[in-house]
Amino acid sequence: MGKKETAKAFSVESIEKTTAPDPGDKGEWYRYRIANARSPIEGIRSGSLKSVTSYLKEYVDNLNSRSAVGASTYGKHTTKK
């Protein structure tokens, strides 16, 4: 991976235990932060630390795969004529 690609890569910056967003929600909750050079992503997810970590690894791998080819689910789609 070149220097330019490394700067763009997303990585999990932090995972920390937090309270449930709604007092009625049960289980363990974790707040996470995914970051790259431009776009931090923050969120919360329920589950064990192991399951949240596994989810985030898959999420980050997906983000990095899409950014490596310049694809975005939300970007404008064009077709060649």
PDB file of N, CA and C in Angstrom:
ATOM      1  N   MET A   1       0.862  -1.185   0.000  1.00  0.00           N
ATOM      2  CA  MET A   1       0.000   0.000   0.000  1.00  0.00           C
ATOM      3  C   MET A   1       0.896   1.232   0.000  1.00  0.00           C
ATOM      4  N   GLY A   2       0.664   2.151  -0.919  1.00  0.00           N
ATOM      5  CA  GLY A   2       1.464   3.358  -1.016  1.00  0.00           C
ATOM      6  C   GLY A   2       1.114   4.382   0.038  1.00  0.00           C
ATOM      7  N   LYS A   3       1.941   5.412   0.112  1.00  0.00           N
ATOM      8  CA  LYS A   3       1.732   6.461   1.110  1.00  0.00           C
ATOM      9  C   LYS A   3       0.374   7.144   0.938  1.00  0.00           C
ATOM     10  N   LYS A   4      -0.017   7.420  -0.308  1.00  0.00           N
ATOM     11  CA  LYS A   4      -1.289   8.088  -0.577  1.00  0.00           C
ATOM     12  C   LYS A   4      -2.466   7.227  -0.122  1.00  0.00           C
ATOM     13  N   GLU A   5      -2.418   5.920  -0.387  1.00  0.00           N
ATOM     14  CA  GLU A   5      -3.495   5.027   0.014  1.00  0.00           C
ATOM     15  C   GLU A   5      -3.587   4.920   1.528  1.00  0.00           C
ATOM     16  N   THR A   6      -2.440   4.874   2.219  1.00  0.00           N
ATOM     17  CA  THR A   6      -2.420   4.775   3.676  1.00  0.00           C
ATOM     18  C   THR A   6      -3.106   5.974   4.306  1.00  0.00           C
ATOM     19  N   ALA A   7      -2.895   7.164   3.755  1.00  0.00           N
ATOM     20  CA  ALA A   7      -3.502   8.375   4.306  1.00  0.00           C
ATOM     21  C   ALA A   7      -5.020   8.341   4.172  1.00  0.00           C
ATOM     22  N   LYS A   8      -5.542   7.658   3.151  1.00  0.00           N
ATOM     23  CA  LYS A   8      -6.978   7.595   2.916  1.00  0.00           C
ATOM     24  C   LYS A   8      -7.657   6.496   3.725  1.00  0.00           C
ATOM     25  N   ALA A   9      -6.890   5.522   4.191  1.00  0.00           N
ATOM     26  CA  ALA A   9      -7.459   4.325   4.808  1.00  0.00           C
ATOM     27  C   ALA A   9      -8.247   4.651   6.075  1.00  0.00           C
ATOM     28  N   PHE A  10      -9.400   4.003   6.195  1.00  0.00           N
ATOM     29  CA  PHE A  10     -10.195   4.107   7.414  1.00  0.00           C
ATOM     30  C   PHE A  10      -9.647   3.118   8.438  1.00  0.00           C
ATOM     31  N   SER A  11      -9.738   3.467   9.706  1.00  0.00           N
ATOM     32  CA  SER A  11      -9.350   2.557  10.780  1.00  0.00           C
ATOM     33  C   SER A  11     -10.214   2.860  11.998  1.00  0.00           C
ATOM     34  N   VAL A  12     -10.345   1.864  12.857  1.00  0.00           N
ATOM     35  CA  VAL A  12     -11.096   2.053  14.099  1.00  0.00           C
ATOM     36  C   VAL A  12     -10.194   2.838  15.042  1.00  0.00           C
ATOM     37  N   GLU A  13     -10.649   4.006  15.425  1.00  0.00           N
ATOM     38  CA  GLU A  13      -9.874   4.874  16.305  1.00  0.00           C
ATOM     39  C   GLU A  13     -10.157   4.568  17.780  1.00  0.00           C
ATOM     40  N   SER A  14     -11.439   4.254  18.087  1.00  0.00           N
ATOM     41  CA  SER A  14     -11.768   3.950  19.476  1.00  0.00           C
ATOM     42  C   SER A  14     -13.055   3.141  19.573  1.00  0.00           C
ATOM     43  N   ILE A  15     -13.127   2.342  20.635  1.00  0.00           N
ATOM     44  CA  ILE A  15     -14.337   1.617  21.017  1.00  0.00           C
ATOM     45  C   ILE A  15     -14.396   1.717  22.537  1.00  0.00           C
ATOM     46  N   GLU A  16     -15.508   2.231  23.054  1.00  0.00           N
ATOM     47  CA  GLU A  16     -15.624   2.328  24.515  1.00  0.00           C
ATOM     48  C   GLU A  16     -17.046   2.022  24.953  1.00  0.00           C
ATOM     49  N   LYS A  17     -17.154   1.394  26.087  1.00  0.00           N
ATOM     50  CA  LYS A  17     -18.460   1.037  26.627  1.00  0.00           C
ATOM     51  C   LYS A  17     -19.228   2.319  26.943  1.00  0.00           C
ATOM     52  N   THR A  18     -20.540   2.298  26.681  1.00  0.00           N
ATOM     53  CA  THR A  18     -21.375   3.474  26.930  1.00  0.00           C
ATOM     54  C   THR A  18     -22.735   3.019  27.443  1.00  0.00           C
ATOM     55  N   THR A  19     -23.567   3.959  27.786  1.00  0.00           N
ATOM     56  CA  THR A  19     -24.924   3.639  28.230  1.00  0.00           C
ATOM     57  C   THR A  19     -25.825   3.477  27.009  1.00  0.00           C
ATOM     58  N   ALA A  20     -26.906   2.768  27.206  1.00  0.00           N
ATOM     59  CA  ALA A  20     -27.874   2.559  26.127  1.00  0.00           C
ATOM     60  C   ALA A  20     -28.493   3.894  25.724  1.00  0.00           C
ATOM     61  N   PRO A  21     -28.804   4.054  24.433  1.00  0.00           N
ATOM     62  CA  PRO A  21     -29.396   5.317  23.979  1.00  0.00           C
ATOM     63  C   PRO A  21     -30.775   5.563  24.595  1.00  0.00           C
ATOM     64  N   ASP A  22     -31.485   4.495  24.892  1.00  0.00           N
ATOM     65  CA  ASP A  22     -32.800   4.584  25.516  1.00  0.00           C
ATOM     66  C   ASP A  22     -32.718   3.787  26.816  1.00  0.00           C
ATOM     67  N   PRO A  23     -33.144   4.372  27.929  1.00  0.00           N
ATOM     68  CA  PRO A  23     -33.045   3.657  29.211  1.00  0.00           C
ATOM     69  C   PRO A  23     -33.694   2.271  29.195  1.00  0.00           C
ATOM     70  N   GLY A  24     -34.655   2.039  28.312  1.00  0.00           N
ATOM     71  CA  GLY A  24     -35.312   0.743  28.229  1.00  0.00           C
ATOM     72  C   GLY A  24     -34.526  -0.304  27.454  1.00  0.00           C
ATOM     73  N   ASP A  25     -33.488   0.137  26.713  1.00  0.00           N
ATOM     74  CA  ASP A  25     -32.675  -0.791  25.929  1.00  0.00           C
ATOM     75  C   ASP A  25     -31.780  -1.602  26.855  1.00  0.00           C
ATOM     76  N   LYS A  26     -31.756  -2.905  26.625  1.00  0.00           N
ATOM     77  CA  LYS A  26     -30.944  -3.776  27.469  1.00  0.00           C
ATOM     78  C   LYS A  26     -29.684  -4.198  26.732  1.00  0.00           C
ATOM     79  N   GLY A  27     -28.773  -4.773  27.469  1.00  0.00           N
ATOM     80  CA  GLY A  27     -27.539  -5.284  26.876  1.00  0.00           C
ATOM     81  C   GLY A  27     -26.399  -4.289  26.974  1.00  0.00           C
ATOM     82  N   GLU A  28     -25.271  -4.711  26.442  1.00  0.00           N
ATOM     83  CA  GLU A  28     -24.077  -3.871  26.438  1.00  0.00           C
ATOM     84  C   GLU A  28     -24.086  -2.978  25.197  1.00  0.00           C
ATOM     85  N   TRP A  29     -23.617  -1.762  25.353  1.00  0.00           N
ATOM     86  CA  TRP A  29     -23.547  -0.807  24.248  1.00  0.00           C
ATOM     87  C   TRP A  29     -22.144  -0.229  24.181  1.00  0.00           C
ATOM     88  N   TYR A  30     -21.706   0.010  22.946  1.00  0.00           N
ATOM     89  CA  TYR A  30     -20.369   0.560  22.723  1.00  0.00           C
ATOM     90  C   TYR A  30     -20.449   1.732  21.756  1.00  0.00           C
ATOM     91  N   ARG A  31     -19.695   2.764  22.081  1.00  0.00           N
ATOM     92  CA  ARG A  31     -19.536   3.931  21.205  1.00  0.00           C
ATOM     93  C   ARG A  31     -18.236   3.717  20.440  1.00  0.00           C
ATOM     94  N   TYR A  32     -18.267   3.994  19.134  1.00  0.00           N
ATOM     95  CA  TYR A  32     -17.057   3.809  18.336  1.00  0.00           C
ATOM     96  C   TYR A  32     -16.794   5.026  17.471  1.00  0.00           C
ATOM     97  N   ARG A  33     -15.554   5.110  17.047  1.00  0.00           N
ATOM     98  CA  ARG A  33     -15.139   6.163  16.121  1.00  0.00           C
ATOM     99  C   ARG A  33     -14.219   5.524  15.086  1.00  0.00           C
ATOM    100  N   ILE A  34     -14.595   5.704  13.831  1.00  0.00           N
ATOM    101  CA  ILE A  34     -13.796   5.260  12.686  1.00  0.00           C
ATOM    102  C   ILE A  34     -13.290   6.537  12.036  1.00  0.00           C
ATOM    103  N   ALA A  35     -12.029   6.550  11.658  1.00  0.00           N
ATOM    104  CA  ALA A  35     -11.490   7.786  11.096  1.00  0.00           C
ATOM    105  C   ALA A  35     -10.546   7.497   9.929  1.00  0.00           C
ATOM    106  N   ASN A  36     -10.438   8.494   9.083  1.00  0.00           N
ATOM    107  CA  ASN A  36      -9.392   8.556   8.072  1.00  0.00           C
ATOM    108  C   ASN A  36      -8.949  10.007   8.035  1.00  0.00           C
ATOM    109  N   ALA A  37      -8.211  10.391   7.037  1.00  0.00           N
ATOM    110  CA  ALA A  37      -7.682  11.757   6.983  1.00  0.00           C
ATOM    111  C   ALA A  37      -8.777  12.822   6.843  1.00  0.00           C
ATOM    112  N   ARG A  38      -9.968  12.443   6.330  1.00  0.00           N
ATOM    113  CA  ARG A  38     -10.990  13.451   6.057  1.00  0.00           C
ATOM    114  C   ARG A  38     -12.312  13.269   6.777  1.00  0.00           C
ATOM    115  N   SER A  39     -12.747  12.042   7.004  1.00  0.00           N
ATOM    116  CA  SER A  39     -14.140  11.819   7.385  1.00  0.00           C
ATOM    117  C   SER A  39     -14.312  10.900   8.594  1.00  0.00           C
ATOM    118  N   PRO A  40     -14.425  11.444   9.787  1.00  0.00           N
ATOM    119  CA  PRO A  40     -14.680  10.568  10.929  1.00  0.00           C
ATOM    120  C   PRO A  40     -16.129  10.066  10.917  1.00  0.00           C
ATOM    121  N   ILE A  41     -16.309   8.860  11.397  1.00  0.00           N
ATOM    122  CA  ILE A  41     -17.639   8.262  11.512  1.00  0.00           C
ATOM    123  C   ILE A  41     -17.791   7.840  12.967  1.00  0.00           C
ATOM    124  N   GLU A  42     -18.838   8.313  13.621  1.00  0.00           N
ATOM    125  CA  GLU A  42     -19.083   7.938  15.006  1.00  0.00           C
ATOM    126  C   GLU A  42     -20.429   7.258  15.109  1.00  0.00           C
ATOM    127  N   GLY A  43     -20.530   6.299  16.013  1.00  0.00           N
ATOM    128  CA  GLY A  43     -21.793   5.610  16.183  1.00  0.00           C
ATOM    129  C   GLY A  43     -21.817   4.820  17.468  1.00  0.00           C
ATOM    130  N   ILE A  44     -22.954   4.162  17.701  1.00  0.00           N
ATOM    131  CA  ILE A  44     -23.079   3.258  18.834  1.00  0.00           C
ATOM    132  C   ILE A  44     -23.676   1.958  18.330  1.00  0.00           C
ATOM    133  N   ARG A  45     -23.343   0.882  19.028  1.00  0.00           N
ATOM    134  CA  ARG A  45     -23.827  -0.433  18.619  1.00  0.00           C
ATOM    135  C   ARG A  45     -23.948  -1.308  19.863  1.00  0.00           C
ATOM    136  N   SER A  46     -24.971  -2.139  19.862  1.00  0.00           N
ATOM    137  CA  SER A  46     -25.145  -3.055  20.981  1.00  0.00           C
ATOM    138  C   SER A  46     -24.482  -4.388  20.672  1.00  0.00           C
ATOM    139  N   GLY A  47     -24.154  -5.103  21.729  1.00  0.00           N
ATOM    140  CA  GLY A  47     -23.552  -6.424  21.589  1.00  0.00           C
ATOM    141  C   GLY A  47     -22.355  -6.556  22.501  1.00  0.00           C
ATOM    142  N   SER A  48     -21.729  -7.702  22.420  1.00  0.00           N
ATOM    143  CA  SER A  48     -20.510  -7.920  23.200  1.00  0.00           C
ATOM    144  C   SER A  48     -19.378  -7.123  22.550  1.00  0.00           C
ATOM    145  N   LEU A  49     -18.323  -6.895  23.304  1.00  0.00           N
ATOM    146  CA  LEU A  49     -17.169  -6.200  22.742  1.00  0.00           C
ATOM    147  C   LEU A  49     -16.632  -6.984  21.540  1.00  0.00           C
ATOM    148  N   LYS A  50     -16.634  -8.302  21.628  1.00  0.00           N
ATOM    149  CA  LYS A  50     -16.150  -9.141  20.532  1.00  0.00           C
ATOM    150  C   LYS A  50     -17.005  -8.964  19.273  1.00  0.00           C
ATOM    151  N   SER A  51     -18.340  -8.962  19.426  1.00  0.00           N
ATOM    152  CA  SER A  51     -19.207  -8.836  18.248  1.00  0.00           C
ATOM    153  C   SER A  51     -19.134  -7.431  17.642  1.00  0.00           C
ATOM    154  N   VAL A  52     -19.025  -6.406  18.478  1.00  0.00           N
ATOM    155  CA  VAL A  52     -18.908  -5.033  17.972  1.00  0.00           C
ATOM    156  C   VAL A  52     -17.574  -4.862  17.248  1.00  0.00           C
ATOM    157  N   THR A  53     -16.512  -5.413  17.818  1.00  0.00           N
ATOM    158  CA  THR A  53     -15.193  -5.330  17.187  1.00  0.00           C
ATOM    159  C   THR A  53     -15.194  -6.037  15.834  1.00  0.00           C
ATOM    160  N   SER A  54     -15.828  -7.190  15.775  1.00  0.00           N
ATOM    161  CA  SER A  54     -15.926  -7.942  14.521  1.00  0.00           C
ATOM    162  C   SER A  54     -16.713  -7.146  13.476  1.00  0.00           C
ATOM    163  N   TYR A  55     -17.838  -6.560  13.895  1.00  0.00           N
ATOM    164  CA  TYR A  55     -18.653  -5.727  13.005  1.00  0.00           C
ATOM    165  C   TYR A  55     -17.819  -4.559  12.458  1.00  0.00           C
ATOM    166  N   LEU A  56     -17.071  -3.894  13.330  1.00  0.00           N
ATOM    167  CA  LEU A  56     -16.286  -2.731  12.907  1.00  0.00           C
ATOM    168  C   LEU A  56     -15.164  -3.125  11.951  1.00  0.00           C
ATOM    169  N   LYS A  57     -14.558  -4.282  12.166  1.00  0.00           N
ATOM    170  CA  LYS A  57     -13.516  -4.738  11.245  1.00  0.00           C
ATOM    171  C   LYS A  57     -14.100  -4.925   9.845  1.00  0.00           C
ATOM    172  N   GLU A  58     -15.252  -5.565   9.773  1.00  0.00           N
ATOM    173  CA  GLU A  58     -15.897  -5.779   8.477  1.00  0.00           C
ATOM    174  C   GLU A  58     -16.304  -4.439   7.842  1.00  0.00           C
ATOM    175  N   TYR A  59     -16.832  -3.538   8.645  1.00  0.00           N
ATOM    176  CA  TYR A  59     -17.256  -2.213   8.180  1.00  0.00           C
ATOM    177  C   TYR A  59     -16.063  -1.444   7.603  1.00  0.00           C
ATOM    178  N   VAL A  60     -14.949  -1.424   8.340  1.00  0.00           N
ATOM    179  CA  VAL A  60     -13.751  -0.708   7.904  1.00  0.00           C
ATOM    180  C   VAL A  60     -13.184  -1.343   6.632  1.00  0.00           C
ATOM    181  N   ASP A  61     -13.150  -2.671   6.579  1.00  0.00           N
ATOM    182  CA  ASP A  61     -12.669  -3.348   5.363  1.00  0.00           C
ATOM    183  C   ASP A  61     -13.520  -2.951   4.157  1.00  0.00           C
ATOM    184  N   ASN A  62     -14.837  -2.890   4.352  1.00  0.00           N
ATOM    185  CA  ASN A  62     -15.751  -2.505   3.280  1.00  0.00           C
ATOM    186  C   ASN A  62     -15.490  -1.060   2.843  1.00  0.00           C
ATOM    187  N   LEU A  63     -15.360  -0.159   3.801  1.00  0.00           N
ATOM    188  CA  LEU A  63     -15.084   1.246   3.466  1.00  0.00           C
ATOM    189  C   LEU A  63     -13.784   1.375   2.684  1.00  0.00           C
ATOM    190  N   ASN A  64     -12.751   0.673   3.126  1.00  0.00           N
ATOM    191  CA  ASN A  64     -11.458   0.761   2.450  1.00  0.00           C
ATOM    192  C   ASN A  64     -11.503   0.149   1.056  1.00  0.00           C
ATOM    193  N   SER A  65     -12.256  -0.926   0.884  1.00  0.00           N
ATOM    194  CA  SER A  65     -12.395  -1.533  -0.443  1.00  0.00           C
ATOM    195  C   SER A  65     -13.077  -0.574  -1.408  1.00  0.00           C
ATOM    196  N   ARG A  66     -14.153   0.050  -0.935  1.00  0.00           N
ATOM    197  CA  ARG A  66     -14.884   0.977  -1.811  1.00  0.00           C
ATOM    198  C   ARG A  66     -14.068   2.224  -2.119  1.00  0.00           C
ATOM    199  N   SER A  67     -13.339   2.734  -1.131  1.00  0.00           N
ATOM    200  CA  SER A  67     -12.575   3.957  -1.385  1.00  0.00           C
ATOM    201  C   SER A  67     -11.366   3.676  -2.274  1.00  0.00           C
ATOM    202  N   ALA A  68     -10.857   2.439  -2.255  1.00  0.00           N
ATOM    203  CA  ALA A  68      -9.709   2.085  -3.101  1.00  0.00           C
ATOM    204  C   ALA A  68     -10.069   2.139  -4.582  1.00  0.00           C
ATOM    205  N   VAL A  69     -11.324   1.837  -4.915  1.00  0.00           N
ATOM    206  CA  VAL A  69     -11.745   1.868  -6.317  1.00  0.00           C
ATOM    207  C   VAL A  69     -12.569   3.112  -6.640  1.00  0.00           C
ATOM    208  N   GLY A  70     -12.751   3.962  -5.658  1.00  0.00           N
ATOM    209  CA  GLY A  70     -13.499   5.195  -5.881  1.00  0.00           C
ATOM    210  C   GLY A  70     -14.993   5.001  -5.950  1.00  0.00           C
ATOM    211  N   ALA A  71     -15.492   3.875  -5.458  1.00  0.00           N
ATOM    212  CA  ALA A  71     -16.930   3.598  -5.513  1.00  0.00           C
ATOM    213  C   ALA A  71     -17.615   4.064  -4.243  1.00  0.00           C
ATOM    214  N   SER A  72     -18.833   4.529  -4.396  1.00  0.00           N
ATOM    215  CA  SER A  72     -19.630   4.947  -3.257  1.00  0.00           C
ATOM    216  C   SER A  72     -21.072   4.543  -3.491  1.00  0.00           C
ATOM    217  N   THR A  73     -21.682   4.013  -2.470  1.00  0.00           N
ATOM    218  CA  THR A  73     -23.096   3.659  -2.549  1.00  0.00           C
ATOM    219  C   THR A  73     -23.944   4.907  -2.759  1.00  0.00           C
ATOM    220  N   TYR A  74     -23.477   6.034  -2.237  1.00  0.00           N
ATOM    221  CA  TYR A  74     -24.265   7.255  -2.257  1.00  0.00           C
ATOM    222  C   TYR A  74     -23.874   8.208  -3.370  1.00  0.00           C
ATOM    223  N   GLY A  75     -22.840   7.893  -4.100  1.00  0.00           N
ATOM    224  CA  GLY A  75     -22.379   8.780  -5.154  1.00  0.00           C
ATOM    225  C   GLY A  75     -23.264   8.718  -6.383  1.00  0.00           C
ATOM    226  N   LYS A  76     -23.081   9.678  -7.287  1.00  0.00           N
ATOM    227  CA  LYS A  76     -23.829   9.733  -8.523  1.00  0.00           C
ATOM    228  C   LYS A  76     -23.413   8.574  -9.416  1.00  0.00           C
ATOM    229  N   HIS A  77     -24.389   7.865  -9.936  1.00  0.00           N
ATOM    230  CA  HIS A  77     -24.125   6.735 -10.811  1.00  0.00           C
ATOM    231  C   HIS A  77     -24.296   7.177 -12.264  1.00  0.00           C
ATOM    232  N   THR A  78     -23.309   6.866 -13.058  1.00  0.00           N
ATOM    233  CA  THR A  78     -23.382   7.222 -14.476  1.00  0.00           C
ATOM    234  C   THR A  78     -23.101   5.976 -15.298  1.00  0.00           C
ATOM    235  N   THR A  79     -23.603   5.979 -16.489  1.00  0.00           N
ATOM    236  CA  THR A  79     -23.350   4.885 -17.423  1.00  0.00           C
ATOM    237  C   THR A  79     -22.673   5.456 -18.653  1.00  0.00           C
ATOM    238  N   LYS A  80     -21.786   4.664 -19.228  1.00  0.00           N
ATOM    239  CA  LYS A  80     -21.120   5.099 -20.446  1.00  0.00           C
ATOM    240  C   LYS A  80     -22.051   4.898 -21.621  1.00  0.00           C
ATOM    241  N   LYS A  81     -22.033   5.832 -22.551  1.00  0.00           N
ATOM    242  CA  LYS A  81     -22.874   5.730 -23.745  1.00  0.00           C
ATOM    243  C   LYS A  81     -22.057   5.355 -24.940  1.00  0.00           C
TER     244      LYS A  81
END
